[in-house]
Amino acid sequence: MYPKLLRLFIIVALCFAFSACITGGKVVKVTTVNTSSAKKSQLSGLRETDLAKIEEIKRERNTKKDIDPGLSSLIDKTQHFSAAEYITKYPEARGGAGGDYKVGGFDVLSITVYEEKDLSREAIRVSGGGFISFPLIGRITVEGLTTSQIDSLISRKLAQEQYLLDAHVSVMVTEYNSQRFLVLGSVAKPGSYSLRARERVLDAISKAGGVGIRRDGYQGAGKQGMVIRTEHPGTARERKIVIDLDLQGLLKGRDQVSNIYLNDKDVIFIPTAEHFYIIGQVKYPSSYAITDKEITLVEAISMAGGFTPIAARNKTRIIRVEDGAEKIIEVKVGAIIKSGKKIQGVMIQPGDVIVVPESFF
């Protein structure tokens, strides 16, 4: 009995000793640096080239302007809905924001009267006031009507004037000019596009050439996109709302709820992906996009190809700015990896600068 207890005691003691050995004290240490001398002390041991790269990254990060200040202010001040919340609040959006396309000024129509081909007309442009002129019946207002409603209107007018009692009329929109949407942000061809019948967010992104690709080949779009929508335009009830989209889920086919139908005057904004930076003793030092999920420090190093043979793994630092204060987070990455608790590592935040120094031993 006693030998068994003794062996158990020895095993437990060895486990504690091994744990203490691999951790060597705190695995993560956070220091807020308020002065340049304090920062210099925390970054001691780094090469001059690494220090220069840190300053270069800071300048790039501080001067980067990803979004127009006016648009940023609008987004901040406007009520937000998730795509699911918006559809719950406005169930009609499931079938298309406005249902069938409604003709407006400057659209171009093709009108066929099957019984009287001489009455058929190609390329009839709707006036800015919303009307067209048609043989025998003169000027008619078509703005705000669907093509099927215009079919019925022309047929009824021909019957009223006793030209054709049961005319079969077909109306098609050949040019969509009255309704437009805007695509901004990280897309290949940002700009204004005509809105056709029942188009969705993915249609808009496709028209704009797809999401942007960064110089290093990584996708440039962020985790979320948004639709800035004008409700009740041109009325006393006009207001703007923001519909937040799971952009990465939408692009990868996981979230079709975010593929909402578009409205006239919608603005689709695709933010540039947020990034972290990694320099020093990794195989591929660079900036990397944070697009689809949370990333741990260990995963970030893996994205950069892993450590070089001369990396000081347990002297890895993260330079982070939070609430205007600069912090330096020292992480013993080697200890985290050896303990088998990689998922418990430090989470990377946008703008983090990871520095892996060289080992001198």
Protein backbone atom coordinates (compact mmCIF):
# COMPACT_ATOMS: atom_id res chain seq x y z
CA MET A 1 0.00 0.00 0.00
CA TYR A 2 2.63 2.52 1.02
CA PRO A 3 4.82 2.01 -2.04
CA LYS A 4 1.80 2.83 -4.23
CA LEU A 5 1.11 6.03 -2.29
CA LEU A 6 4.79 6.95 -2.49
CA ARG A 7 4.81 6.46 -6.27
CA LEU A 8 1.66 8.59 -6.59
CA PHE A 9 3.25 11.34 -4.48
CA ILE A 10 6.39 11.29 -6.65
CA ILE A 11 4.34 11.51 -9.87
CA VAL A 12 2.34 14.49 -8.58
CA ALA A 13 5.52 16.23 -7.41
CA LEU A 14 7.17 15.68 -10.79
CA CYS A 15 4.12 17.11 -12.57
CA PHE A 16 4.29 20.28 -10.46
CA ALA A 17 8.02 20.53 -11.03
CA PHE A 18 7.62 20.07 -14.79
CA SER A 19 4.85 22.67 -14.90
CA ALA A 20 7.01 25.16 -13.01
CA CYS A 21 9.92 24.43 -15.29
CA ILE A 22 8.05 25.08 -18.54
CA THR A 23 6.31 28.19 -17.32
CA GLY A 24 9.26 29.73 -15.56
CA GLY A 25 6.99 32.21 -13.84
CA LYS A 26 4.42 34.31 -15.68
CA VAL A 27 3.77 33.21 -19.24
CA VAL A 28 2.19 36.57 -20.12
CA LYS A 29 3.29 39.93 -18.73
CA VAL A 30 1.60 43.20 -19.70
CA THR A 31 3.37 46.55 -19.26
CA THR A 32 1.90 49.97 -20.07
CA VAL A 33 4.63 52.27 -21.38
CA ASN A 34 4.12 55.97 -20.70
CA THR A 35 7.57 57.27 -21.65
CA SER A 36 10.03 56.66 -24.45
CA SER A 37 12.62 55.45 -21.94
CA ALA A 38 10.18 52.89 -20.52
CA LYS A 39 9.40 51.70 -24.03
CA LYS A 40 13.10 51.45 -24.88
CA SER A 41 13.65 49.36 -21.77
CA GLN A 42 10.82 46.99 -22.68
CA LEU A 43 12.15 46.59 -26.23
CA SER A 44 15.76 46.08 -25.21
CA GLY A 45 17.54 43.31 -27.07
CA LEU A 46 15.87 44.04 -30.40
CA ARG A 47 17.90 44.77 -33.50
CA GLU A 48 18.00 48.30 -34.86
CA THR A 49 16.31 47.02 -38.03
CA ASP A 50 13.41 45.66 -35.94
CA LEU A 51 13.05 48.94 -34.03
CA ALA A 52 13.05 50.87 -37.31
CA LYS A 53 10.40 48.53 -38.73
CA ILE A 54 8.19 49.10 -35.67
CA GLU A 55 8.33 52.86 -36.23
CA GLU A 56 7.56 52.41 -39.92
CA ILE A 57 4.51 50.27 -39.09
CA LYS A 58 3.29 52.86 -36.58
CA ARG A 59 3.50 55.60 -39.20
CA GLU A 60 1.65 53.46 -41.74
CA ARG A 61 -1.02 52.57 -39.19
CA ASN A 62 -1.53 56.16 -38.07
CA THR A 63 -1.76 57.64 -41.57
CA LYS A 64 -3.98 54.97 -43.07
CA LYS A 65 -7.42 56.36 -43.93
CA ASP A 66 -9.72 53.51 -44.84
CA ILE A 67 -13.02 55.34 -44.68
CA ASP A 68 -14.24 58.82 -45.47
CA PRO A 69 -14.85 60.81 -42.24
CA GLY A 70 -18.36 61.74 -43.36
CA LEU A 71 -19.28 58.11 -44.01
CA SER A 72 -17.68 57.07 -40.73
CA SER A 73 -19.73 59.66 -38.84
CA LEU A 74 -22.93 58.50 -40.57
CA ILE A 75 -22.24 54.87 -39.69
CA ASP A 76 -21.51 55.75 -36.05
CA LYS A 77 -24.67 57.84 -35.61
CA THR A 78 -27.13 55.62 -37.46
CA GLN A 79 -29.23 52.82 -35.99
CA HIS A 80 -27.82 49.38 -36.79
CA PHE A 81 -29.62 46.09 -37.45
CA SER A 82 -28.15 42.68 -38.15
CA ALA A 83 -29.45 41.10 -41.36
CA ALA A 84 -31.57 38.70 -39.29
CA GLU A 85 -33.00 41.55 -37.19
CA TYR A 86 -33.83 43.54 -40.31
CA ILE A 87 -35.68 40.65 -41.94
CA THR A 88 -37.57 39.99 -38.70
CA LYS A 89 -38.60 43.66 -38.51
CA TYR A 90 -39.44 43.86 -42.22
CA PRO A 91 -40.66 40.37 -43.29
CA GLU A 92 -41.51 41.69 -46.77
CA ALA A 93 -37.76 41.99 -47.40
CA ARG A 94 -37.61 38.20 -47.74
CA GLY A 95 -39.37 38.44 -51.08
CA GLY A 96 -37.43 41.41 -52.37
CA ALA A 97 -37.29 44.91 -50.92
CA GLY A 98 -39.89 46.24 -53.32
CA GLY A 99 -41.15 43.08 -55.01
CA ASP A 100 -41.15 43.34 -58.81
CA TYR A 101 -39.13 46.13 -60.39
CA LYS A 102 -40.98 49.45 -60.62
CA VAL A 103 -40.25 51.57 -63.66
CA GLY A 104 -38.92 55.08 -63.18
CA GLY A 105 -37.59 58.08 -65.04
CA PHE A 106 -34.93 57.44 -67.73
CA ASP A 107 -35.56 53.70 -67.88
CA VAL A 108 -35.84 52.37 -71.43
CA LEU A 109 -38.75 50.08 -72.38
CA SER A 110 -39.52 47.67 -75.19
CA ILE A 111 -43.29 47.34 -75.83
CA THR A 112 -44.77 44.63 -78.03
CA VAL A 113 -48.47 44.52 -79.13
CA TYR A 114 -48.91 41.05 -80.59
CA GLU A 115 -52.10 41.73 -82.59
CA GLU A 116 -50.73 44.91 -84.19
CA LYS A 117 -47.01 44.73 -84.82
CA ASP A 118 -47.07 48.28 -86.20
CA LEU A 119 -47.85 49.52 -82.69
CA SER A 120 -44.84 47.77 -81.17
CA ARG A 121 -41.98 50.04 -80.17
CA GLU A 122 -38.35 49.48 -79.19
CA ALA A 123 -36.27 51.79 -76.98
CA ILE A 124 -39.00 53.97 -75.50
CA ARG A 125 -37.32 56.15 -72.91
CA VAL A 126 -39.32 57.10 -69.82
CA SER A 127 -39.19 60.87 -69.29
CA GLY A 128 -37.81 62.45 -66.14
CA GLY A 129 -41.44 63.12 -65.19
CA GLY A 130 -42.25 59.42 -65.42
CA PHE A 131 -44.36 59.20 -68.59
CA ILE A 132 -44.11 57.79 -72.12
CA SER A 133 -45.89 58.58 -75.37
CA PHE A 134 -47.50 55.61 -77.14
CA PRO A 135 -49.24 55.45 -80.53
CA LEU A 136 -53.02 56.03 -80.51
CA ILE A 137 -53.32 56.59 -76.77
CA GLY A 138 -50.82 59.42 -76.34
CA ARG A 139 -49.04 60.19 -73.09
CA ILE A 140 -49.39 57.81 -70.13
CA THR A 141 -47.69 57.83 -66.74
CA VAL A 142 -45.68 54.68 -66.02
CA GLU A 143 -43.47 55.74 -63.12
CA GLY A 144 -43.92 53.53 -60.08
CA LEU A 145 -45.60 50.76 -62.10
CA THR A 146 -44.29 47.25 -62.73
CA THR A 147 -44.00 45.98 -66.29
CA SER A 148 -47.10 43.79 -65.84
CA GLN A 149 -49.06 46.82 -64.64
CA ILE A 150 -47.92 48.78 -67.71
CA ASP A 151 -49.03 45.81 -69.88
CA SER A 152 -52.53 46.07 -68.40
CA LEU A 153 -52.61 49.88 -68.60
CA ILE A 154 -51.80 49.98 -72.34
CA SER A 155 -54.24 47.17 -73.07
CA ARG A 156 -56.99 48.96 -71.16
CA LYS A 157 -56.30 52.31 -72.87
CA LEU A 158 -56.44 50.69 -76.34
CA ALA A 159 -59.77 49.10 -75.42
CA GLN A 160 -61.18 52.38 -74.04
CA GLU A 161 -60.35 54.14 -77.31
CA GLN A 162 -61.82 51.13 -79.17
CA TYR A 163 -58.67 50.47 -81.16
CA LEU A 164 -58.12 46.95 -79.82
CA LEU A 165 -60.60 45.32 -77.46
CA ASP A 166 -58.36 42.57 -76.12
CA ALA A 167 -54.80 43.54 -76.89
CA HIS A 168 -51.99 41.30 -75.72
CA VAL A 169 -49.18 43.61 -74.61
CA SER A 170 -45.71 42.73 -73.34
CA VAL A 171 -43.44 45.32 -71.70
CA MET A 172 -39.78 44.75 -70.94
CA VAL A 173 -37.15 47.01 -69.36
CA THR A 174 -34.12 47.07 -71.66
CA GLU A 175 -32.13 49.71 -69.75
CA TYR A 176 -32.29 50.22 -65.99
CA ASN A 177 -31.48 53.84 -65.27
CA SER A 178 -33.93 55.09 -62.64
CA GLN A 179 -32.67 53.20 -59.59
CA ARG A 180 -29.08 52.95 -58.51
CA PHE A 181 -26.91 51.66 -55.70
CA LEU A 182 -23.40 52.57 -54.63
CA VAL A 183 -20.58 50.16 -53.72
CA LEU A 184 -17.71 51.57 -51.65
CA GLY A 185 -14.67 50.21 -49.87
CA SER A 186 -12.53 47.18 -50.57
CA VAL A 187 -13.87 46.15 -53.99
CA ALA A 188 -12.13 46.09 -57.36
CA LYS A 189 -14.38 48.71 -59.00
CA PRO A 190 -16.14 50.93 -56.44
CA GLY A 191 -18.82 53.16 -57.93
CA SER A 192 -22.49 53.66 -58.79
CA TYR A 193 -24.45 50.88 -60.53
CA SER A 194 -27.94 50.55 -61.96
CA LEU A 195 -30.33 48.47 -59.89
CA ARG A 196 -32.18 45.75 -61.79
CA ALA A 197 -35.07 43.66 -60.57
CA ARG A 198 -34.48 41.59 -57.44
CA GLU A 199 -30.74 42.04 -57.11
CA ARG A 200 -28.97 41.10 -53.91
CA VAL A 201 -25.79 42.03 -52.04
CA LEU A 202 -23.70 39.37 -53.84
CA ASP A 203 -24.91 40.75 -57.17
CA ALA A 204 -23.67 44.18 -56.12
CA ILE A 205 -20.26 42.83 -55.09
CA SER A 206 -20.01 40.94 -58.39
CA LYS A 207 -20.83 44.08 -60.40
CA ALA A 208 -18.10 45.89 -58.48
CA GLY A 209 -15.55 43.27 -59.53
CA GLY A 210 -15.47 41.31 -56.28
CA VAL A 211 -13.76 42.10 -53.01
CA GLY A 212 -10.31 43.64 -53.14
CA ILE A 213 -7.10 41.63 -53.11
CA ARG A 214 -4.11 43.00 -51.22
CA ARG A 215 -0.64 43.26 -52.68
CA ASP A 216 0.46 40.10 -50.85
CA GLY A 217 -2.40 38.10 -52.37
CA TYR A 218 -4.58 37.93 -49.28
CA GLN A 219 -8.23 38.90 -49.41
CA GLY A 220 -8.63 42.55 -48.51
CA ALA A 221 -12.20 42.53 -47.17
CA GLY A 222 -12.97 42.56 -43.46
CA LYS A 223 -15.21 40.36 -41.34
CA GLN A 224 -18.32 42.50 -41.73
CA GLY A 225 -19.91 44.52 -44.50
CA MET A 226 -22.89 46.82 -44.31
CA VAL A 227 -25.77 48.22 -46.30
CA ILE A 228 -26.64 51.85 -45.58
CA ARG A 229 -30.31 52.10 -46.54
CA THR A 230 -32.57 55.11 -47.02
CA GLU A 231 -36.07 54.34 -45.78
CA HIS A 232 -39.09 56.26 -47.12
CA PRO A 233 -36.96 58.41 -49.46
CA GLY A 234 -38.38 61.78 -50.45
CA THR A 235 -40.93 61.85 -47.63
CA ALA A 236 -41.12 63.42 -44.19
CA ARG A 237 -40.36 59.96 -42.76
CA GLU A 238 -37.06 59.61 -44.61
CA ARG A 239 -34.28 58.18 -42.46
CA LYS A 240 -31.18 56.05 -42.83
CA ILE A 241 -30.41 52.73 -41.19
CA VAL A 242 -27.37 50.42 -41.32
CA ILE A 243 -27.78 46.69 -41.92
CA ASP A 244 -24.69 44.80 -40.71
CA LEU A 245 -23.70 41.76 -42.77
CA ASP A 246 -21.58 38.71 -41.96
CA LEU A 247 -19.44 39.37 -45.02
CA GLN A 248 -17.05 36.45 -44.68
CA GLY A 249 -19.93 34.06 -44.01
CA LEU A 250 -21.72 35.43 -47.07
CA LEU A 251 -18.68 35.17 -49.35
CA LYS A 252 -17.96 31.62 -48.20
CA GLY A 253 -21.57 30.45 -48.51
CA ARG A 254 -22.23 29.97 -44.81
CA ASP A 255 -24.64 32.88 -44.31
CA GLN A 256 -27.31 33.47 -46.96
CA VAL A 257 -29.36 35.62 -44.57
CA SER A 258 -26.92 38.45 -45.23
CA ASN A 259 -27.59 38.23 -48.99
CA ILE A 260 -30.49 40.65 -48.72
CA TYR A 261 -32.32 42.25 -51.65
CA LEU A 262 -31.21 45.73 -52.62
CA ASN A 263 -33.24 48.94 -52.61
CA ASP A 264 -32.87 52.10 -54.63
CA LYS A 265 -30.20 54.39 -53.14
CA ASP A 266 -28.58 51.62 -51.07
CA VAL A 267 -24.89 52.09 -50.23
CA ILE A 268 -22.96 48.83 -49.85
CA PHE A 269 -19.77 49.37 -47.86
CA ILE A 270 -17.06 46.70 -47.79
CA PRO A 271 -14.46 47.65 -45.13
CA THR A 272 -10.84 46.75 -45.69
CA ALA A 273 -9.70 43.83 -43.58
CA GLU A 274 -8.07 44.72 -40.29
CA HIS A 275 -4.49 43.57 -39.93
CA PHE A 276 -1.80 42.58 -37.51
CA TYR A 277 1.92 42.80 -38.18
CA ILE A 278 4.68 40.36 -37.38
CA ILE A 279 8.41 41.09 -37.67
CA GLY A 280 11.66 39.50 -36.57
CA GLN A 281 12.54 35.83 -36.44
CA VAL A 282 9.66 34.23 -38.34
CA LYS A 283 9.90 32.80 -41.85
CA TYR A 284 7.57 35.30 -43.53
CA PRO A 285 7.43 38.60 -41.65
CA SER A 286 4.62 40.75 -43.06
CA SER A 287 1.16 42.12 -42.30
CA TYR A 288 -1.73 39.63 -42.18
CA ALA A 289 -5.47 40.13 -42.47
CA ILE A 290 -7.87 39.31 -39.66
CA THR A 291 -10.91 38.27 -41.67
CA ASP A 292 -12.90 35.30 -40.51
CA LYS A 293 -12.15 34.34 -36.93
CA GLU A 294 -10.24 35.21 -33.80
CA ILE A 295 -6.52 34.48 -34.02
CA THR A 296 -4.22 33.46 -31.17
CA LEU A 297 -0.59 34.49 -31.01
CA VAL A 298 0.51 30.94 -31.76
CA GLU A 299 -1.78 30.86 -34.83
CA ALA A 300 -0.43 34.23 -35.95
CA ILE A 301 3.13 32.91 -35.82
CA SER A 302 2.02 29.83 -37.75
CA MET A 303 0.51 32.10 -40.46
CA ALA A 304 3.96 33.68 -40.78
CA GLY A 305 5.54 30.28 -41.40
CA GLY A 306 6.62 29.61 -37.83
CA PHE A 307 9.78 30.55 -35.93
CA THR A 308 13.23 30.57 -37.47
CA PRO A 309 15.85 28.34 -35.78
CA ILE A 310 17.36 31.36 -33.98
CA ALA A 311 14.10 32.81 -32.64
CA ALA A 312 13.89 33.68 -28.95
CA ARG A 313 10.43 32.12 -28.57
CA ASN A 314 10.00 33.01 -24.93
CA LYS A 315 10.85 36.66 -25.53
CA THR A 316 8.08 37.32 -28.04
CA ARG A 317 6.43 40.72 -27.59
CA ILE A 318 3.18 42.24 -28.77
CA ILE A 319 3.01 46.03 -29.10
CA ARG A 320 -0.61 47.10 -28.71
CA VAL A 321 -2.49 50.38 -28.42
CA GLU A 322 -5.61 50.28 -26.21
CA ASP A 323 -7.67 53.32 -25.23
CA GLY A 324 -4.84 55.58 -26.38
CA ALA A 325 -2.23 53.83 -24.20
CA GLU A 326 0.60 51.78 -25.64
CA LYS A 327 1.19 48.40 -24.02
CA ILE A 328 3.91 45.83 -24.46
CA ILE A 329 2.85 42.24 -23.84
CA GLU A 330 5.67 39.80 -23.24
CA VAL A 331 4.70 36.22 -24.02
CA LYS A 332 6.61 33.01 -23.45
CA VAL A 333 5.36 31.32 -26.59
CA GLY A 334 7.68 28.35 -26.16
CA ALA A 335 6.12 27.65 -22.77
CA ILE A 336 2.59 27.81 -24.22
CA ILE A 337 3.48 25.39 -27.01
CA LYS A 338 5.28 22.95 -24.69
CA SER A 339 2.37 22.91 -22.25
CA GLY A 340 0.00 21.90 -25.06
CA LYS A 341 -2.36 24.79 -24.32
CA LYS A 342 -2.11 26.70 -27.58
CA ILE A 343 -5.77 27.75 -27.49
CA GLN A 344 -5.10 29.54 -24.20
CA GLY A 345 -2.62 31.86 -25.85
CA VAL A 346 -3.01 35.61 -26.18
CA MET A 347 -5.65 36.71 -28.72
CA ILE A 348 -4.41 39.02 -31.45
CA GLN A 349 -6.16 42.35 -31.96
CA PRO A 350 -6.24 44.54 -35.09
CA GLY A 351 -3.16 46.72 -35.29
CA ASP A 352 -1.02 44.51 -33.04
CA VAL A 353 2.68 44.39 -33.85
CA ILE A 354 4.24 41.02 -32.96
CA VAL A 355 8.01 41.10 -32.52
CA VAL A 356 10.05 37.90 -32.34
CA PRO A 357 13.64 38.74 -31.35
CA GLU A 358 16.75 36.76 -32.08
CA SER A 359 18.15 34.37 -29.50
CA PHE A 360 21.74 35.07 -28.53
CA PHE A 361 22.25 31.76 -26.77
